[in-house]
């Protein structure tokens, strides 16, 4: 039987404040997660989700490589 514990990741995926949105999205894909926690000096200060990325940048006139989380 598969338990929730078997499916959970032990460590959350994190990015430091100032990481580009593209790098955050790459991590989401690499770790097969829908969000990453944003940290500053080892403290969680926010979260970025796939939905945030899509809403902010799909069809926008912005280059996500230069936009920090």
PDB file of N, CA and C in Angstrom:
ATOM      1  N   UNK A   1       0.840  -1.180   0.000  1.00  0.00           N
ATOM      2  CA  UNK A   1       0.000   0.000   0.000  1.00  0.00           C
ATOM      3  C   UNK A   1       0.889   1.251   0.000  1.00  0.00           C
ATOM      4  N   UNK A   2       0.509   2.237  -0.795  1.00  0.00           N
ATOM      5  CA  UNK A   2       1.232   3.507  -0.841  1.00  0.00           C
ATOM      6  C   UNK A   2       0.666   4.436   0.224  1.00  0.00           C
ATOM      7  N   UNK A   3       1.556   5.008   1.010  1.00  0.00           N
ATOM      8  CA  UNK A   3       1.131   5.952   2.044  1.00  0.00           C
ATOM      9  C   UNK A   3       1.497   7.373   1.626  1.00  0.00           C
ATOM     10  N   UNK A   4       0.909   8.333   2.295  1.00  0.00           N
ATOM     11  CA  UNK A   4       1.219   9.733   2.028  1.00  0.00           C
ATOM     12  C   UNK A   4       2.706   9.991   2.264  1.00  0.00           C
ATOM     13  N   UNK A   5       3.236   9.397   3.288  1.00  0.00           N
ATOM     14  CA  UNK A   5       4.656   9.562   3.601  1.00  0.00           C
ATOM     15  C   UNK A   5       5.562   9.118   2.469  1.00  0.00           C
ATOM     16  N   UNK A   6       5.145   8.072   1.745  1.00  0.00           N
ATOM     17  CA  UNK A   6       5.938   7.595   0.607  1.00  0.00           C
ATOM     18  C   UNK A   6       5.927   8.607  -0.534  1.00  0.00           C
ATOM     19  N   UNK A   7       4.855   9.366  -0.662  1.00  0.00           N
ATOM     20  CA  UNK A   7       4.715  10.315  -1.753  1.00  0.00           C
ATOM     21  C   UNK A   7       5.313  11.678  -1.439  1.00  0.00           C
ATOM     22  N   UNK A   8       5.461  11.985  -0.168  1.00  0.00           N
ATOM     23  CA  UNK A   8       5.940  13.306   0.240  1.00  0.00           C
ATOM     24  C   UNK A   8       7.436  13.452   0.028  1.00  0.00           C
ATOM     25  N   UNK A   9       7.835  14.653  -0.276  1.00  0.00           N
ATOM     26  CA  UNK A   9       9.235  15.004  -0.340  1.00  0.00           C
ATOM     27  C   UNK A   9       9.657  15.416   1.060  1.00  0.00           C
ATOM     28  N   UNK A  10      10.817  14.983   1.498  1.00  0.00           N
ATOM     29  CA  UNK A  10      11.230  15.316   2.862  1.00  0.00           C
ATOM     30  C   UNK A  10      11.668  16.773   2.998  1.00  0.00           C
ATOM     31  N   UNK A  11      12.321  17.295   1.994  1.00  0.00           N
ATOM     32  CA  UNK A  11      12.767  18.684   2.033  1.00  0.00           C
ATOM     33  C   UNK A  11      11.997  19.494   0.995  1.00  0.00           C
ATOM     34  N   UNK A  12      11.481  20.651   1.374  1.00  0.00           N
ATOM     35  CA  UNK A  12      10.786  21.488   0.382  1.00  0.00           C
ATOM     36  C   UNK A  12      11.789  22.071  -0.615  1.00  0.00           C
ATOM     37  N   UNK A  13      11.314  22.353  -1.799  1.00  0.00           N
ATOM     38  CA  UNK A  13      12.144  22.996  -2.816  1.00  0.00           C
ATOM     39  C   UNK A  13      12.118  24.494  -2.539  1.00  0.00           C
ATOM     40  N   UNK A  14      13.297  25.099  -2.467  1.00  0.00           N
ATOM     41  CA  UNK A  14      13.382  26.521  -2.133  1.00  0.00           C
ATOM     42  C   UNK A  14      14.250  27.273  -3.138  1.00  0.00           C
ATOM     43  N   UNK A  15      14.008  28.563  -3.222  1.00  0.00           N
ATOM     44  CA  UNK A  15      14.856  29.486  -3.982  1.00  0.00           C
ATOM     45  C   UNK A  15      15.104  30.701  -3.111  1.00  0.00           C
ATOM     46  N   UNK A  16      16.233  31.321  -3.319  1.00  0.00           N
ATOM     47  CA  UNK A  16      16.576  32.530  -2.574  1.00  0.00           C
ATOM     48  C   UNK A  16      15.899  33.734  -3.229  1.00  0.00           C
ATOM     49  N   UNK A  17      15.538  34.721  -2.440  1.00  0.00           N
ATOM     50  CA  UNK A  17      15.004  35.975  -2.973  1.00  0.00           C
ATOM     51  C   UNK A  17      15.962  36.474  -4.051  1.00  0.00           C
ATOM     52  N   UNK A  18      15.409  36.912  -5.170  1.00  0.00           N
ATOM     53  CA  UNK A  18      16.229  37.413  -6.262  1.00  0.00           C
ATOM     54  C   UNK A  18      16.484  36.394  -7.358  1.00  0.00           C
ATOM     55  N   UNK A  19      16.155  35.124  -7.098  1.00  0.00           N
ATOM     56  CA  UNK A  19      16.273  34.089  -8.130  1.00  0.00           C
ATOM     57  C   UNK A  19      15.310  34.422  -9.257  1.00  0.00           C
ATOM     58  N   UNK A  20      15.718  34.168 -10.499  1.00  0.00           N
ATOM     59  CA  UNK A  20      14.827  34.490 -11.619  1.00  0.00           C
ATOM     60  C   UNK A  20      13.622  33.556 -11.635  1.00  0.00           C
ATOM     61  N   UNK A  21      12.551  34.049 -12.186  1.00  0.00           N
ATOM     62  CA  UNK A  21      11.327  33.255 -12.314  1.00  0.00           C
ATOM     63  C   UNK A  21      11.602  32.012 -13.156  1.00  0.00           C
ATOM     64  N   UNK A  22      12.441  32.147 -14.173  1.00  0.00           N
ATOM     65  CA  UNK A  22      12.773  30.998 -15.022  1.00  0.00           C
ATOM     66  C   UNK A  22      13.473  29.917 -14.209  1.00  0.00           C
ATOM     67  N   UNK A  23      14.409  30.297 -13.366  1.00  0.00           N
ATOM     68  CA  UNK A  23      15.105  29.311 -12.540  1.00  0.00           C
ATOM     69  C   UNK A  23      14.139  28.635 -11.568  1.00  0.00           C
ATOM     70  N   UNK A  24      13.223  29.398 -10.994  1.00  0.00           N
ATOM     71  CA  UNK A  24      12.217  28.815 -10.101  1.00  0.00           C
ATOM     72  C   UNK A  24      11.355  27.813 -10.864  1.00  0.00           C
ATOM     73  N   UNK A  25      10.949  28.165 -12.080  1.00  0.00           N
ATOM     74  CA  UNK A  25      10.133  27.265 -12.902  1.00  0.00           C
ATOM     75  C   UNK A  25      10.905  26.003 -13.269  1.00  0.00           C
ATOM     76  N   UNK A  26      12.193  26.135 -13.551  1.00  0.00           N
ATOM     77  CA  UNK A  26      13.017  24.964 -13.862  1.00  0.00           C
ATOM     78  C   UNK A  26      13.085  24.010 -12.670  1.00  0.00           C
ATOM     79  N   UNK A  27      13.202  24.570 -11.478  1.00  0.00           N
ATOM     80  CA  UNK A  27      13.229  23.728 -10.281  1.00  0.00           C
ATOM     81  C   UNK A  27      11.901  23.006 -10.086  1.00  0.00           C
ATOM     82  N   UNK A  28      10.793  23.723 -10.319  1.00  0.00           N
ATOM     83  CA  UNK A  28       9.479  23.084 -10.204  1.00  0.00           C
ATOM     84  C   UNK A  28       9.398  21.884 -11.137  1.00  0.00           C
ATOM     85  N   UNK A  29       9.865  22.061 -12.349  1.00  0.00           N
ATOM     86  CA  UNK A  29       9.825  20.969 -13.321  1.00  0.00           C
ATOM     87  C   UNK A  29      10.763  19.835 -12.907  1.00  0.00           C
ATOM     88  N   UNK A  30      11.971  20.164 -12.506  1.00  0.00           N
ATOM     89  CA  UNK A  30      12.964  19.153 -12.137  1.00  0.00           C
ATOM     90  C   UNK A  30      12.511  18.298 -10.962  1.00  0.00           C
ATOM     91  N   UNK A  31      11.846  18.936  -9.998  1.00  0.00           N
ATOM     92  CA  UNK A  31      11.408  18.217  -8.802  1.00  0.00           C
ATOM     93  C   UNK A  31       9.945  17.780  -8.872  1.00  0.00           C
ATOM     94  N   UNK A  32       9.307  18.056 -10.011  1.00  0.00           N
ATOM     95  CA  UNK A  32       7.908  17.673 -10.218  1.00  0.00           C
ATOM     96  C   UNK A  32       7.008  18.206  -9.097  1.00  0.00           C
ATOM     97  N   UNK A  33       7.171  19.509  -8.816  1.00  0.00           N
ATOM     98  CA  UNK A  33       6.347  20.179  -7.806  1.00  0.00           C
ATOM     99  C   UNK A  33       5.651  21.368  -8.454  1.00  0.00           C
ATOM    100  N   UNK A  34       4.609  21.855  -7.830  1.00  0.00           N
ATOM    101  CA  UNK A  34       3.836  22.971  -8.373  1.00  0.00           C
ATOM    102  C   UNK A  34       4.146  24.299  -7.702  1.00  0.00           C
ATOM    103  N   UNK A  35       5.080  24.278  -6.747  1.00  0.00           N
ATOM    104  CA  UNK A  35       5.447  25.520  -6.069  1.00  0.00           C
ATOM    105  C   UNK A  35       6.836  25.391  -5.459  1.00  0.00           C
ATOM    106  N   UNK A  36       7.455  26.534  -5.213  1.00  0.00           N
ATOM    107  CA  UNK A  36       8.722  26.589  -4.488  1.00  0.00           C
ATOM    108  C   UNK A  36       8.600  27.659  -3.413  1.00  0.00           C
ATOM    109  N   UNK A  37       9.248  27.414  -2.298  1.00  0.00           N
ATOM    110  CA  UNK A  37       9.267  28.403  -1.225  1.00  0.00           C
ATOM    111  C   UNK A  37      10.387  29.395  -1.498  1.00  0.00           C
ATOM    112  N   UNK A  38      10.140  30.654  -1.195  1.00  0.00           N
ATOM    113  CA  UNK A  38      11.138  31.706  -1.377  1.00  0.00           C
ATOM    114  C   UNK A  38      11.732  32.011  -0.006  1.00  0.00           C
ATOM    115  N   UNK A  39      13.067  32.010   0.065  1.00  0.00           N
ATOM    116  CA  UNK A  39      13.731  32.232   1.343  1.00  0.00           C
ATOM    117  C   UNK A  39      14.657  33.443   1.291  1.00  0.00           C
ATOM    118  N   UNK A  40      14.893  33.994   2.464  1.00  0.00           N
ATOM    119  CA  UNK A  40      15.873  35.057   2.644  1.00  0.00           C
ATOM    120  C   UNK A  40      16.569  34.788   3.966  1.00  0.00           C
ATOM    121  N   UNK A  41      17.860  34.593   3.922  1.00  0.00           N
ATOM    122  CA  UNK A  41      18.639  34.295   5.124  1.00  0.00           C
ATOM    123  C   UNK A  41      18.038  33.117   5.886  1.00  0.00           C
ATOM    124  N   UNK A  42      17.714  32.052   5.151  1.00  0.00           N
ATOM    125  CA  UNK A  42      17.194  30.792   5.690  1.00  0.00           C
ATOM    126  C   UNK A  42      15.790  30.904   6.296  1.00  0.00           C
ATOM    127  N   UNK A  43      15.111  32.017   6.072  1.00  0.00           N
ATOM    128  CA  UNK A  43      13.740  32.197   6.542  1.00  0.00           C
ATOM    129  C   UNK A  43      12.797  32.198   5.348  1.00  0.00           C
ATOM    130  N   UNK A  44      11.669  31.519   5.467  1.00  0.00           N
ATOM    131  CA  UNK A  44      10.680  31.510   4.392  1.00  0.00           C
ATOM    132  C   UNK A  44       9.990  32.865   4.360  1.00  0.00           C
ATOM    133  N   UNK A  45      10.011  33.496   3.181  1.00  0.00           N
ATOM    134  CA  UNK A  45       9.398  34.816   3.039  1.00  0.00           C
ATOM    135  C   UNK A  45       8.291  34.831   1.991  1.00  0.00           C
ATOM    136  N   UNK A  46       8.107  33.712   1.295  1.00  0.00           N
ATOM    137  CA  UNK A  46       7.058  33.677   0.275  1.00  0.00           C
ATOM    138  C   UNK A  46       6.992  32.342  -0.431  1.00  0.00           C
ATOM    139  N   UNK A  47       6.148  32.303  -1.440  1.00  0.00           N
ATOM    140  CA  UNK A  47       5.959  31.100  -2.241  1.00  0.00           C
ATOM    141  C   UNK A  47       5.666  31.536  -3.675  1.00  0.00           C
ATOM    142  N   UNK A  48       6.173  30.770  -4.627  1.00  0.00           N
ATOM    143  CA  UNK A  48       5.880  30.989  -6.038  1.00  0.00           C
ATOM    144  C   UNK A  48       5.258  29.701  -6.562  1.00  0.00           C
ATOM    145  N   UNK A  49       4.122  29.828  -7.223  1.00  0.00           N
ATOM    146  CA  UNK A  49       3.437  28.658  -7.766  1.00  0.00           C
ATOM    147  C   UNK A  49       3.452  28.691  -9.291  1.00  0.00           C
ATOM    148  N   UNK A  50       3.166  27.529  -9.892  1.00  0.00           N
ATOM    149  CA  UNK A  50       3.048  27.476 -11.350  1.00  0.00           C
ATOM    150  C   UNK A  50       2.003  28.476 -11.828  1.00  0.00           C
ATOM    151  N   UNK A  51       0.920  28.578 -11.095  1.00  0.00           N
ATOM    152  CA  UNK A  51      -0.150  29.505 -11.445  1.00  0.00           C
ATOM    153  C   UNK A  51       0.353  30.946 -11.440  1.00  0.00           C
ATOM    154  N   UNK A  52       1.180  31.305 -10.464  1.00  0.00           N
ATOM    155  CA  UNK A  52       1.766  32.651 -10.415  1.00  0.00           C
ATOM    156  C   UNK A  52       2.567  32.931 -11.682  1.00  0.00           C
ATOM    157  N   UNK A  53       3.372  31.961 -12.084  1.00  0.00           N
ATOM    158  CA  UNK A  53       4.215  32.130 -13.266  1.00  0.00           C
ATOM    159  C   UNK A  53       3.354  32.318 -14.503  1.00  0.00           C
ATOM    160  N   UNK A  54       2.356  31.478 -14.659  1.00  0.00           N
ATOM    161  CA  UNK A  54       1.489  31.556 -15.840  1.00  0.00           C
ATOM    162  C   UNK A  54       0.743  32.882 -15.874  1.00  0.00           C
ATOM    163  N   UNK A  55       0.126  33.256 -14.767  1.00  0.00           N
ATOM    164  CA  UNK A  55      -0.660  34.492 -14.731  1.00  0.00           C
ATOM    165  C   UNK A  55       0.194  35.726 -14.990  1.00  0.00           C
ATOM    166  N   UNK A  56       1.418  35.719 -14.510  1.00  0.00           N
ATOM    167  CA  UNK A  56       2.265  36.906 -14.595  1.00  0.00           C
ATOM    168  C   UNK A  56       2.971  37.043 -15.941  1.00  0.00           C
ATOM    169  N   UNK A  57       3.300  35.915 -16.576  1.00  0.00           N
ATOM    170  CA  UNK A  57       4.201  36.011 -17.716  1.00  0.00           C
ATOM    171  C   UNK A  57       3.681  35.492 -19.043  1.00  0.00           C
ATOM    172  N   UNK A  58       2.708  34.616 -19.050  1.00  0.00           N
ATOM    173  CA  UNK A  58       2.210  34.122 -20.329  1.00  0.00           C
ATOM    174  C   UNK A  58       1.471  35.258 -21.026  1.00  0.00           C
ATOM    175  N   UNK A  59       1.928  35.603 -22.191  1.00  0.00           N
ATOM    176  CA  UNK A  59       1.322  36.693 -22.942  1.00  0.00           C
ATOM    177  C   UNK A  59       1.767  38.079 -22.517  1.00  0.00           C
ATOM    178  N   UNK A  60       2.620  38.161 -21.508  1.00  0.00           N
ATOM    179  CA  UNK A  60       3.093  39.471 -21.037  1.00  0.00           C
ATOM    180  C   UNK A  60       4.304  39.909 -21.853  1.00  0.00           C
ATOM    181  N   UNK A  61       4.578  41.167 -21.795  1.00  0.00           N
ATOM    182  CA  UNK A  61       5.716  41.736 -22.518  1.00  0.00           C
ATOM    183  C   UNK A  61       6.949  41.788 -21.615  1.00  0.00           C
ATOM    184  N   UNK A  62       7.112  40.779 -20.758  1.00  0.00           N
ATOM    185  CA  UNK A  62       8.234  40.770 -19.829  1.00  0.00           C
ATOM    186  C   UNK A  62       9.104  39.552 -20.093  1.00  0.00           C
ATOM    187  N   UNK A  63      10.371  39.670 -19.807  1.00  0.00           N
ATOM    188  CA  UNK A  63      11.297  38.560 -19.962  1.00  0.00           C
ATOM    189  C   UNK A  63      11.541  37.946 -18.591  1.00  0.00           C
ATOM    190  N   UNK A  64      11.027  36.742 -18.350  1.00  0.00           N
ATOM    191  CA  UNK A  64      11.120  36.157 -17.016  1.00  0.00           C
ATOM    192  C   UNK A  64      12.544  35.883 -16.539  1.00  0.00           C
ATOM    193  N   UNK A  65      13.517  35.801 -17.460  1.00  0.00           N
ATOM    194  CA  UNK A  65      14.903  35.595 -17.023  1.00  0.00           C
ATOM    195  C   UNK A  65      15.395  36.746 -16.155  1.00  0.00           C
ATOM    196  N   UNK A  66      14.821  37.919 -16.343  1.00  0.00           N
ATOM    197  CA  UNK A  66      15.297  39.097 -15.627  1.00  0.00           C
ATOM    198  C   UNK A  66      14.346  39.547 -14.518  1.00  0.00           C
ATOM    199  N   UNK A  67      13.311  38.773 -14.264  1.00  0.00           N
ATOM    200  CA  UNK A  67      12.351  39.121 -13.214  1.00  0.00           C
ATOM    201  C   UNK A  67      12.628  38.237 -12.003  1.00  0.00           C
ATOM    202  N   UNK A  68      12.946  38.827 -10.847  1.00  0.00           N
ATOM    203  CA  UNK A  68      13.219  38.028  -9.655  1.00  0.00           C
ATOM    204  C   UNK A  68      11.933  37.573  -8.974  1.00  0.00           C
ATOM    205  N   UNK A  69      12.081  36.485  -8.199  1.00  0.00           N
ATOM    206  CA  UNK A  69      10.935  36.015  -7.412  1.00  0.00           C
ATOM    207  C   UNK A  69      10.810  36.866  -6.175  1.00  0.00           C
TER     208      UNK A  69
END
